[in-house]
Every structure is written in structure tokens, then in C-alpha cells.
C-alpha atoms as a PDB file:
ATOM      1  CA  MET A   1     -33.447 -96.037 163.650  1.00  0.00           C
ATOM      2  CA  THR A   2     -31.088 -97.675 166.445  1.00  0.00           C
ATOM      3  CA  MET A   3     -32.387 -98.693 169.827  1.00  0.00           C
ATOM      4  CA  ALA A   4     -30.083 -95.904 171.194  1.00  0.00           C
ATOM      5  CA  SER A   5     -32.048 -93.106 169.347  1.00  0.00           C
ATOM      6  CA  ARG A   6     -35.445 -94.744 170.038  1.00  0.00           C
ATOM      7  CA  ILE A   7     -35.340 -95.255 173.852  1.00  0.00           C
ATOM      8  CA  ARG A   8     -33.687 -94.045 177.027  1.00  0.00           C
ATOM      9  CA  ILE A   9     -32.446 -96.477 179.823  1.00  0.00           C
ATOM     10  CA  GLY A  10     -34.106 -94.273 182.351  1.00  0.00           C
ATOM     11  CA  GLU A  11     -37.354 -94.632 180.677  1.00  0.00           C
ATOM     12  CA  VAL A  12     -37.023 -98.466 180.415  1.00  0.00           C
ATOM     13  CA  TRP A  13     -36.079 -98.417 184.277  1.00  0.00           C
ATOM     14  CA  ASP A  14     -39.342 -96.575 185.038  1.00  0.00           C
ATOM     15  CA  SER A  15     -41.271 -98.994 182.880  1.00  0.00           C
ATOM     16  CA  THR A  16     -39.491-101.930 184.736  1.00  0.00           C
ATOM     17  CA  LEU A  17     -40.517-100.553 188.169  1.00  0.00           C
ATOM     18  CA  ASP A  18     -44.173-100.212 186.955  1.00  0.00           C
ATOM     19  CA  ALA A  19     -44.279-103.619 185.532  1.00  0.00           C
ATOM     20  CA  ALA A  20     -42.641-105.091 188.771  1.00  0.00           C
ATOM     21  CA  ARG A  21     -45.357-103.381 190.974  1.00  0.00           C
ATOM     22  CA  GLY A  22     -48.207-104.128 188.781  1.00  0.00           C
ATOM     23  CA  ARG A  23     -47.449-107.764 187.820  1.00  0.00           C
ATOM     24  CA  ALA A  24     -45.712-108.947 191.008  1.00  0.00           C
ATOM     25  CA  ARG A  25     -48.286-111.477 191.973  1.00  0.00           C
ATOM     26  CA  VAL A  26     -47.871-113.231 188.433  1.00  0.00           C
ATOM     27  CA  ILE A  27     -44.064-112.946 188.498  1.00  0.00           C
ATOM     28  CA  ALA A  28     -43.312-114.096 192.119  1.00  0.00           C
ATOM     29  CA  PRO A  29     -44.320-117.739 191.848  1.00  0.00           C
ATOM     30  CA  ILE A  30     -42.244-118.058 188.682  1.00  0.00           C
ATOM     31  CA  ALA A  31     -39.265-116.489 190.027  1.00  0.00           C
ATOM     32  CA  LEU A  32     -39.277-118.606 193.302  1.00  0.00           C
ATOM     33  CA  ALA A  33     -39.793-121.745 191.197  1.00  0.00           C
ATOM     34  CA  ALA A  34     -37.177-120.983 188.540  1.00  0.00           C
ATOM     35  CA  LEU A  35     -34.536-118.957 190.386  1.00  0.00           C
ATOM     36  CA  PHE A  36     -34.850-119.379 194.297  1.00  0.00           C
ATOM     37  CA  VAL A  37     -35.520-123.175 194.568  1.00  0.00           C
ATOM     38  CA  PRO A  38     -32.750-124.429 192.193  1.00  0.00           C
ATOM     39  CA  GLY A  39     -30.209-122.102 194.094  1.00  0.00           C
ATOM     40  CA  ALA A  40     -31.283-123.513 197.443  1.00  0.00           C
ATOM     41  CA  VAL A  41     -31.035-127.085 196.342  1.00  0.00           C
ATOM     42  CA  LEU A  42     -27.451-126.463 194.962  1.00  0.00           C
ATOM     43  CA  ASN A  43     -26.515-124.833 198.278  1.00  0.00           C
ATOM     44  CA  ALA A  44     -27.788-127.824 200.170  1.00  0.00           C
ATOM     45  CA  VAL A  45     -25.787-130.202 197.942  1.00  0.00           C
ATOM     46  CA  ALA A  46     -22.510-128.204 198.143  1.00  0.00           C
ATOM     47  CA  LEU A  47     -22.868-127.795 201.986  1.00  0.00           C
ATOM     48  CA  PHE A  48     -24.156-131.263 203.025  1.00  0.00           C
ATOM     49  CA  GLY A  49     -23.169-133.434 200.084  1.00  0.00           C
ATOM     50  CA  GLY A  50     -19.706-134.383 201.418  1.00  0.00           C
ATOM     51  CA  GLU A  51     -16.984-135.589 199.089  1.00  0.00           C
ATOM     52  CA  GLY A  52     -19.383-137.146 196.451  1.00  0.00           C
ATOM     53  CA  ALA A  53     -21.070-133.896 195.659  1.00  0.00           C
ATOM     54  CA  ALA A  54     -19.080-132.864 192.742  1.00  0.00           C
ATOM     55  CA  VAL A  55     -20.955-134.685 190.095  1.00  0.00           C
ATOM     56  CA  PRO A  56     -24.479-134.066 191.681  1.00  0.00           C
ATOM     57  CA  TYR A  57     -23.545-130.318 191.988  1.00  0.00           C
ATOM     58  CA  ALA A  58     -22.261-130.100 188.315  1.00  0.00           C
ATOM     59  CA  LEU A  59     -25.472-131.800 187.015  1.00  0.00           C
ATOM     60  CA  GLY A  60     -27.591-129.620 189.328  1.00  0.00           C
ATOM     61  CA  THR A  61     -25.717-126.440 187.961  1.00  0.00           C
ATOM     62  CA  LEU A  62     -26.769-127.452 184.402  1.00  0.00           C
ATOM     63  CA  ALA A  63     -30.404-127.933 185.522  1.00  0.00           C
ATOM     64  CA  ALA A  64     -30.541-124.758 187.368  1.00  0.00           C
ATOM     65  CA  THR A  65     -28.999-122.793 184.524  1.00  0.00           C
ATOM     66  CA  ALA A  66     -31.997-124.312 182.268  1.00  0.00           C
ATOM     67  CA  LEU A  67     -34.604-123.442 184.893  1.00  0.00           C
ATOM     68  CA  VAL A  68     -33.121-119.846 184.957  1.00  0.00           C
ATOM     69  CA  ILE A  69     -33.556-119.632 181.176  1.00  0.00           C
ATOM     70  CA  TRP A  70     -37.059-121.022 181.380  1.00  0.00           C
ATOM     71  CA  GLY A  71     -37.794-118.374 183.856  1.00  0.00           C
ATOM     72  CA  LEU A  72     -36.307-115.596 181.787  1.00  0.00           C
ATOM     73  CA  LEU A  73     -38.876-116.673 179.206  1.00  0.00           C
ATOM     74  CA  ALA A  74     -41.876-116.780 181.331  1.00  0.00           C
ATOM     75  CA  ILE A  75     -41.096-113.375 182.905  1.00  0.00           C
ATOM     76  CA  ALA A  76     -40.476-111.798 179.526  1.00  0.00           C
ATOM     77  CA  ALA A  77     -43.951-113.203 178.473  1.00  0.00           C
ATOM     78  CA  VAL A  78     -45.586-111.547 181.359  1.00  0.00           C
ATOM     79  CA  VAL A  79     -44.040-108.121 181.129  1.00  0.00           C
ATOM     80  CA  THR A  80     -43.999-107.931 177.295  1.00  0.00           C
ATOM     81  CA  ASP A  81     -47.946-108.340 177.061  1.00  0.00           C
ATOM     82  CA  PRO A  82     -50.047-106.982 179.841  1.00  0.00           C
ATOM     83  CA  ALA A  83     -52.665-109.606 178.981  1.00  0.00           C
ATOM     84  CA  THR A  84     -50.431-112.478 179.718  1.00  0.00           C
ATOM     85  CA  THR A  85     -51.619-114.631 182.568  1.00  0.00           C
ATOM     86  CA  ARG A  86     -49.351-116.920 184.730  1.00  0.00           C
ATOM     87  CA  ALA A  87     -50.734-119.897 182.877  1.00  0.00           C
ATOM     88  CA  ASP A  88     -50.147-118.179 179.502  1.00  0.00           C
ATOM     89  CA  ALA A  89     -46.599-117.274 180.452  1.00  0.00           C
ATOM     90  CA  VAL A  90     -45.813-121.047 181.403  1.00  0.00           C
ATOM     91  CA  ALA A  91     -47.120-122.248 178.308  1.00  0.00           C
ATOM     92  CA  GLN A  92     -45.190-119.829 175.993  1.00  0.00           C
ATOM     93  CA  ALA A  93     -41.942-120.565 177.881  1.00  0.00           C
ATOM     94  CA  ASN A  94     -42.495-124.270 177.597  1.00  0.00           C
ATOM     95  CA  ARG A  95     -43.235-123.884 173.742  1.00  0.00           C
ATOM     96  CA  ARG A  96     -39.984-121.745 173.444  1.00  0.00           C
ATOM     97  CA  PHE A  97     -37.709-123.461 175.770  1.00  0.00           C
ATOM     98  CA  GLY A  98     -35.962-125.489 173.043  1.00  0.00           C
ATOM     99  CA  ALA A  99     -34.943-122.389 170.942  1.00  0.00           C
ATOM    100  CA  ALA A 100     -33.839-120.580 174.037  1.00  0.00           C
ATOM    101  CA  ILE A 101     -31.623-123.323 175.162  1.00  0.00           C
ATOM    102  CA  ALA A 102     -30.216-123.576 171.709  1.00  0.00           C
ATOM    103  CA  ASN A 103     -29.245-119.866 171.981  1.00  0.00           C
ATOM    104  CA  GLY A 104     -27.920-120.239 175.487  1.00  0.00           C
ATOM    105  CA  VAL A 105     -25.635-123.126 174.189  1.00  0.00           C
ATOM    106  CA  VAL A 106     -24.302-120.817 171.382  1.00  0.00           C
ATOM    107  CA  LEU A 107     -23.618-118.054 173.734  1.00  0.00           C
ATOM    108  CA  GLY A 108     -21.900-120.318 176.302  1.00  0.00           C
ATOM    109  CA  LEU A 109     -19.645-121.713 173.515  1.00  0.00           C
ATOM    110  CA  VAL A 110     -18.635-118.403 172.375  1.00  0.00           C
ATOM    111  CA  VAL A 111     -17.617-117.599 176.162  1.00  0.00           C
ATOM    112  CA  LEU A 112     -15.632-120.754 176.463  1.00  0.00           C
ATOM    113  CA  VAL A 113     -13.868-120.159 173.258  1.00  0.00           C
ATOM    114  CA  ALA A 114     -13.060-116.556 174.426  1.00  0.00           C
ATOM    115  CA  LEU A 115     -11.659-118.160 177.630  1.00  0.00           C
ATOM    116  CA  LEU A 116      -9.474-120.636 175.914  1.00  0.00           C
ATOM    117  CA  PRO A 117      -6.246-118.467 175.758  1.00  0.00           C
ATOM    118  CA  ALA A 118      -6.151-118.100 179.591  1.00  0.00           C
ATOM    119  CA  VAL A 119      -7.076-121.712 180.111  1.00  0.00           C
ATOM    120  CA  ILE A 120      -4.178-122.869 177.762  1.00  0.00           C
ATOM    121  CA  ALA A 121      -1.785-120.674 179.661  1.00  0.00           C
ATOM    122  CA  LEU A 122      -2.805-121.928 182.966  1.00  0.00           C
ATOM    123  CA  ALA A 123      -2.726-125.555 181.773  1.00  0.00           C
ATOM    124  CA  GLY A 124       1.006-125.391 181.465  1.00  0.00           C
ATOM    125  CA  ALA A 125       1.612-123.338 184.601  1.00  0.00           C
ATOM    126  CA  GLY A 126       1.501-125.907 186.985  1.00  0.00           C
ATOM    127  CA  ILE A 127      -1.962-125.216 188.389  1.00  0.00           C
ATOM    128  CA  ASP A 128      -3.461-127.862 190.897  1.00  0.00           C
ATOM    129  CA  TRP A 129      -6.552-128.604 189.008  1.00  0.00           C
ATOM    130  CA  GLY A 130      -7.700-131.060 191.910  1.00  0.00           C
ATOM    131  CA  ALA A 131      -7.911-128.142 194.340  1.00  0.00           C
ATOM    132  CA  LEU A 132     -10.593-126.352 191.967  1.00  0.00           C
ATOM    133  CA  GLN A 133     -12.920-129.387 191.812  1.00  0.00           C
ATOM    134  CA  GLY A 134     -16.245-129.579 193.834  1.00  0.00           C
ATOM    135  CA  PRO A 135     -18.574-126.958 195.113  1.00  0.00           C
ATOM    136  CA  GLN A 136     -16.033-125.443 197.173  1.00  0.00           C
ATOM    137  CA  PRO A 137     -12.716-124.849 195.393  1.00  0.00           C
ATOM    138  CA  ASN A 138      -9.587-123.798 197.151  1.00  0.00           C
ATOM    139  CA  ILE A 139      -8.023-121.158 194.877  1.00  0.00           C
ATOM    140  CA  ALA A 140      -4.921-120.466 197.127  1.00  0.00           C
ATOM    141  CA  ARG A 141      -3.878-123.894 196.992  1.00  0.00           C
ATOM    142  CA  ALA A 142      -4.525-124.248 193.228  1.00  0.00           C
ATOM    143  CA  LEU A 143      -2.251-121.418 192.592  1.00  0.00           C
ATOM    144  CA  ALA A 144       0.507-121.998 195.042  1.00  0.00           C
ATOM    145  CA  GLY A 145       2.928-123.700 192.671  1.00  0.00           C
ATOM    146  CA  ALA A 146       1.778-122.013 189.437  1.00  0.00           C
ATOM    147  CA  SER A 147       4.074-120.175 187.155  1.00  0.00           C
ATOM    148  CA  PRO A 148       3.867-116.132 187.985  1.00  0.00           C
ATOM    149  CA  GLY A 149       4.288-115.345 184.328  1.00  0.00           C
ATOM    150  CA  ALA A 150       1.133-117.552 183.366  1.00  0.00           C
ATOM    151  CA  ILE A 151      -0.720-116.023 186.348  1.00  0.00           C
ATOM    152  CA  ARG A 152      -0.001-112.426 185.168  1.00  0.00           C
ATOM    153  CA  PHE A 153      -1.045-113.279 181.604  1.00  0.00           C
ATOM    154  CA  ALA A 154      -4.230-114.982 182.731  1.00  0.00           C
ATOM    155  CA  SER A 155      -5.021-111.989 185.023  1.00  0.00           C
ATOM    156  CA  LEU A 156      -4.593-109.388 182.295  1.00  0.00           C
ATOM    157  CA  TYR A 157      -6.421-111.409 179.738  1.00  0.00           C
ATOM    158  CA  GLY A 158      -9.251-111.907 182.437  1.00  0.00           C
ATOM    159  CA  LEU A 159      -9.592-108.105 182.601  1.00  0.00           C
ATOM    160  CA  VAL A 160     -10.081-108.078 178.760  1.00  0.00           C
ATOM    161  CA  PHE A 161     -12.255-110.985 178.878  1.00  0.00           C
ATOM    162  CA  VAL A 162     -14.543-109.278 181.452  1.00  0.00           C
ATOM    163  CA  GLY A 163     -14.872-105.998 179.225  1.00  0.00           C
ATOM    164  CA  LEU A 164     -15.614-108.224 176.229  1.00  0.00           C
ATOM    165  CA  TRP A 165     -18.016-110.460 178.292  1.00  0.00           C
ATOM    166  CA  LEU A 166     -19.949-107.332 179.607  1.00  0.00           C
ATOM    167  CA  TRP A 167     -20.149-106.008 176.083  1.00  0.00           C
ATOM    168  CA  LEU A 168     -21.632-109.281 174.657  1.00  0.00           C
ATOM    169  CA  MET A 169     -24.119-109.611 177.413  1.00  0.00           C
ATOM    170  CA  GLY A 170     -25.313-106.196 176.654  1.00  0.00           C
ATOM    171  CA  ARG A 171     -25.697-106.737 172.945  1.00  0.00           C
ATOM    172  CA  THR A 172     -27.419-110.135 173.546  1.00  0.00           C
ATOM    173  CA  ALA A 173     -29.701-108.988 176.384  1.00  0.00           C
ATOM    174  CA  LEU A 174     -32.716-109.173 174.218  1.00  0.00           C
ATOM    175  CA  THR A 175     -32.052-112.900 172.993  1.00  0.00           C
ATOM    176  CA  TYR A 176     -34.677-114.586 175.039  1.00  0.00           C
ATOM    177  CA  PRO A 177     -37.470-111.862 174.689  1.00  0.00           C
ATOM    178  CA  VAL A 178     -36.893-112.052 171.000  1.00  0.00           C
ATOM    179  CA  ALA A 179     -37.002-115.960 170.809  1.00  0.00           C
ATOM    180  CA  LEU A 180     -40.106-115.816 172.929  1.00  0.00           C
ATOM    181  CA  ASN A 181     -41.923-112.947 171.075  1.00  0.00           C
ATOM    182  CA  GLU A 182     -40.683-113.334 167.505  1.00  0.00           C
ATOM    183  CA  ARG A 183     -40.654-117.118 167.287  1.00  0.00           C
ATOM    184  CA  ARG A 184     -36.885-117.024 166.258  1.00  0.00           C
ATOM    185  CA  GLY A 185     -34.334-119.991 166.703  1.00  0.00           C
ATOM    186  CA  LEU A 186     -30.696-119.382 166.550  1.00  0.00           C
ATOM    187  CA  GLY A 187     -31.395-116.050 164.718  1.00  0.00           C
ATOM    188  CA  ALA A 188     -32.592-114.540 168.072  1.00  0.00           C
ATOM    189  CA  VAL A 189     -28.812-113.544 168.962  1.00  0.00           C
ATOM    190  CA  GLY A 190     -28.531-111.658 165.596  1.00  0.00           C
ATOM    191  CA  ARG A 191     -31.843-109.874 166.144  1.00  0.00           C
ATOM    192  CA  SER A 192     -30.611-108.981 169.682  1.00  0.00           C
ATOM    193  CA  PHE A 193     -27.532-107.366 168.111  1.00  0.00           C
ATOM    194  CA  GLN A 194     -29.636-105.492 165.559  1.00  0.00           C
ATOM    195  CA  LEU A 195     -31.949-104.049 168.368  1.00  0.00           C
ATOM    196  CA  THR A 196     -29.134-103.141 170.520  1.00  0.00           C
ATOM    197  CA  ARG A 197     -27.108-101.400 168.047  1.00  0.00           C
ATOM    198  CA  GLY A 198     -25.820 -98.063 169.392  1.00  0.00           C
ATOM    199  CA  ALA A 199     -26.603 -98.987 172.984  1.00  0.00           C
ATOM    200  CA  GLY A 200     -23.718-101.286 173.717  1.00  0.00           C
ATOM    201  CA  ALA A 201     -21.922 -99.022 176.050  1.00  0.00           C
ATOM    202  CA  LYS A 202     -25.132 -98.146 177.921  1.00  0.00           C
ATOM    203  CA  LEU A 203     -26.088-101.803 178.484  1.00  0.00           C
ATOM    204  CA  MET A 204     -22.486-102.732 179.556  1.00  0.00           C
ATOM    205  CA  ALA A 205     -22.819-100.219 182.443  1.00  0.00           C
ATOM    206  CA  VAL A 206     -26.237-101.557 183.285  1.00  0.00           C
ATOM    207  CA  PHE A 207     -24.833-105.119 183.478  1.00  0.00           C
ATOM    208  CA  LEU A 208     -21.829-103.962 185.620  1.00  0.00           C
ATOM    209  CA  LEU A 209     -24.082-102.185 188.052  1.00  0.00           C
ATOM    210  CA  PHE A 210     -26.350-104.992 188.389  1.00  0.00           C
ATOM    211  CA  LEU A 211     -23.627-107.482 188.923  1.00  0.00           C
ATOM    212  CA  VAL A 212     -21.909-105.087 191.699  1.00  0.00           C
ATOM    213  CA  VAL A 213     -25.330-104.552 193.556  1.00  0.00           C
ATOM    214  CA  LEU A 214     -26.168-108.242 193.224  1.00  0.00           C
ATOM    215  CA  ARG A 215     -22.728-109.064 194.776  1.00  0.00           C
ATOM    216  CA  LEU A 216     -22.593-106.659 197.575  1.00  0.00           C
ATOM    217  CA  LEU A 217     -26.345-107.122 198.532  1.00  0.00           C
ATOM    218  CA  THR A 218     -26.277-110.793 198.548  1.00  0.00           C
ATOM    219  CA  ALA A 219     -22.784-110.895 200.535  1.00  0.00           C
ATOM    220  CA  ALA A 220     -24.199-108.496 203.235  1.00  0.00           C
ATOM    221  CA  VAL A 221     -27.360-110.496 203.635  1.00  0.00           C
ATOM    222  CA  GLN A 222     -25.601-113.775 203.925  1.00  0.00           C
ATOM    223  CA  GLY A 223     -23.359-112.547 206.379  1.00  0.00           C
ATOM    224  CA  ALA A 224     -26.038-110.785 208.394  1.00  0.00           C
ATOM    225  CA  VAL A 225     -27.913-114.066 208.768  1.00  0.00           C
ATOM    226  CA  ALA A 226     -25.040-116.793 208.949  1.00  0.00           C
ATOM    227  CA  VAL A 227     -23.052-114.998 211.562  1.00  0.00           C
ATOM    228  CA  PRO A 228     -26.039-114.871 214.179  1.00  0.00           C
ATOM    229  CA  VAL A 229     -27.085-118.410 213.303  1.00  0.00           C
ATOM    230  CA  ARG A 230     -23.474-119.621 213.889  1.00  0.00           C
ATOM    231  CA  LEU A 231     -23.406-117.953 217.350  1.00  0.00           C
ATOM    232  CA  LEU A 232     -26.732-119.200 218.336  1.00  0.00           C
ATOM    233  CA  LEU A 233     -26.145-122.740 217.432  1.00  0.00           C
ATOM    234  CA  GLY A 234     -22.591-122.957 218.473  1.00  0.00           C
ATOM    235  CA  ARG A 235     -19.599-125.107 217.394  1.00  0.00           C
ATOM    236  CA  GLY A 236     -20.169-127.684 214.546  1.00  0.00           C
ATOM    237  CA  SER A 237     -22.920-125.464 213.103  1.00  0.00           C
ATOM    238  CA  GLU A 238     -21.034-123.872 210.173  1.00  0.00           C
ATOM    239  CA  ALA A 239     -22.783-125.638 207.443  1.00  0.00           C
ATOM    240  CA  THR A 240     -26.265-124.995 208.915  1.00  0.00           C
ATOM    241  CA  ALA A 241     -25.313-121.308 209.304  1.00  0.00           C
ATOM    242  CA  LEU A 242     -23.941-121.090 205.768  1.00  0.00           C
ATOM    243  CA  PHE A 243     -27.186-122.743 204.394  1.00  0.00           C
ATOM    244  CA  ALA A 244     -29.387-120.206 206.299  1.00  0.00           C
ATOM    245  CA  GLY A 245     -27.245-117.337 205.198  1.00  0.00           C
ATOM    246  CA  GLY A 246     -27.572-118.728 201.643  1.00  0.00           C
ATOM    247  CA  LEU A 247     -31.355-119.032 201.922  1.00  0.00           C
ATOM    248  CA  ALA A 248     -31.576-115.304 202.828  1.00  0.00           C
ATOM    249  CA  ALA A 249     -29.213-114.267 200.152  1.00  0.00           C
ATOM    250  CA  GLY A 250     -30.967-116.312 197.642  1.00  0.00           C
ATOM    251  CA  LEU A 251     -34.216-114.488 198.127  1.00  0.00           C
ATOM    252  CA  VAL A 252     -32.338-111.178 197.571  1.00  0.00           C
ATOM    253  CA  SER A 253     -30.718-112.794 194.536  1.00  0.00           C
ATOM    254  CA  THR A 254     -34.097-114.037 193.215  1.00  0.00           C
ATOM    255  CA  ALA A 255     -35.721-110.530 193.674  1.00  0.00           C
ATOM    256  CA  LEU A 256     -32.894-108.845 191.668  1.00  0.00           C
ATOM    257  CA  VAL A 257     -32.583-111.325 188.997  1.00  0.00           C
ATOM    258  CA  ALA A 258     -36.319-111.186 188.554  1.00  0.00           C
ATOM    259  CA  LEU A 259     -36.101-107.419 188.400  1.00  0.00           C
ATOM    260  CA  PHE A 260     -33.429-107.796 185.625  1.00  0.00           C
ATOM    261  CA  CYS A 261     -35.597-110.092 183.831  1.00  0.00           C
ATOM    262  CA  ILE A 262     -38.373-107.511 183.802  1.00  0.00           C
ATOM    263  CA  PHE A 263     -35.880-105.008 182.668  1.00  0.00           C
ATOM    264  CA  THR A 264     -34.877-106.857 179.709  1.00  0.00           C
ATOM    265  CA  GLY A 265     -38.468-107.478 178.704  1.00  0.00           C
ATOM    266  CA  ARG A 266     -39.392-103.910 178.944  1.00  0.00           C
ATOM    267  CA  LEU A 267     -36.182-103.164 177.068  1.00  0.00           C
ATOM    268  CA  TYR A 268     -37.334-105.397 174.149  1.00  0.00           C
ATOM    269  CA  VAL A 269     -40.867-103.531 174.155  1.00  0.00           C
ATOM    270  CA  ALA A 270     -38.972-100.239 173.990  1.00  0.00           C
ATOM    271  CA  ALA A 271     -36.698-101.430 171.248  1.00  0.00           C
ATOM    272  CA  VAL A 272     -39.219-102.718 168.995  1.00  0.00           C
ATOM    273  CA  GLY A 273     -41.714 -99.979 169.609  1.00  0.00           C
ATOM    274  CA  VAL A 274     -44.485-102.002 170.952  1.00  0.00           C
ATOM    275  CA  PRO A 275     -46.821-100.331 173.302  1.00  0.00           C
ATOM    276  CA  GLY A 276     -47.315-101.980 176.580  1.00  0.00           C
ATOM    277  CA  ASP A 277     -48.003-100.978 180.033  1.00  0.00           C
END
């Protein structure tokens, strides 16, 4: 029996909301530590770090990514077993962190390899790579002298890549819950593919909807906070206003990403047929 015939996305969503309401006090501190704080620190480095911020920002991004994976594990522990306490979730996430990172590296390498054709095309197109470095890249300046043909190819390839990326994210959505609950190493990716067989299109749609909502809400909140702060503080306060807006947007992003982590945990429970409330 495939996952598609076992469950319905609507049922998983209802279960997600129930888990979010019932276990919010356990999940909130984990989400703030693993999702909100790293983002706020990166935002501060990008806005106030000056010209030397590129290296700290890159290293901070790697550390933040690792913390997000840890948070995924901890939240999955909370929502896949109703008896799990916060201390239990932290301990389980710590134990399975190495295996989760290994799976994350594999998935990251797959994505990088898939991007190579576009990167190779752009490499010989006269792109100003210096304009893309640092926490605030200047895309317009980078593409100013580039070959139009290479840009068209990269754009078309990018559309195809996005579709494949959404499909891959859907099929590997259960990688971290599997790594946590089934004590699997690199086999967690294959197990996720097995559990999501027949549900790729549904999960693609879920991922796409999540990304759209995340982008729209965070942009709206950031603007709603940054603009008044900028007007209140006056000239020279652009960085402070952006930081304040980023903090507000980070809270929204943290809530949404945490909710999505809960969704993947409940999706795993539904896929393997484990009762949990």
C-alpha cells in the first residue's frame, strides 16, 4: 500500500493543527532556538558587518542550516510520539544529528549537481561574480554584461530545476523523521522515497503553497515594520529599520517553518500507520 492510498493530505493537515495546539509549549522554545535566533544573528551580520561580513555570513549560514536540521529532528520527536518531553526531544535530536547531517549533505550535493548545467553556462557568459558575493548581492550589476543566450538558457533551465527541486523535496520530506524514528543512516532518503510513493504531486503542491505563503507573509510583515521604523528614526536608519523588519519577519517565518516541521512529522505518522495524537 502506498502512502497516497493510506492517507489524505487534508487529514494530515488537521492532525498538524491539533499537534501544534496541543504541543505548542514544548515546540516553541525549540523553534525559537533553532530557527529564529540563527536567522536574527545572520541578519545582524549582513546589515552591520560591513565589507568583511562575507566570510562570517557564509560560515553563519552553514551553522544556521545545521541548527535548522537539528530543530527538524527535535520537533519531529515531539509530534511523532505524544509522550515525548522537551528534554527527550533534545536528547533524541542530539543522538541522530550526525545521521541527519549526512542525509542533508547528500541531498545538498544532489541539488548542486543538478544546478551545474546552468552554472557552467553562466560561467562563460561574462557574469560579474564579484557582484554576487556577500550578504547583499547586486544581481542587476552581475548580469549587466552577460550573454543574452546564456541568460535565456539558464532561465529556462531554472524553471525545469524548480519543478524537479519541488518534486525532490516532496519525495524526501520524511527523511529526517525517518532518520529519527527508524534509526537509519543514509538509507533515510530511500525510505522517504518508499513512503511517499504515489504522493509526489500532492507533496509538490504542498511545498509550493508553503513557499508562496512564506514569501508573501514575511515580505508583508517586514515592510509593515521596517517602513514605520525608518520614518520614525529618520535619515541614516536604513540598516536599523531593515533589522527590525527582519526580526518581525523572522518570527513569522519561524512559526511557519515550525508548522511545516510538525506537518512532516505527522505525515510520517500517517505514512507508517503509527497511531499518535
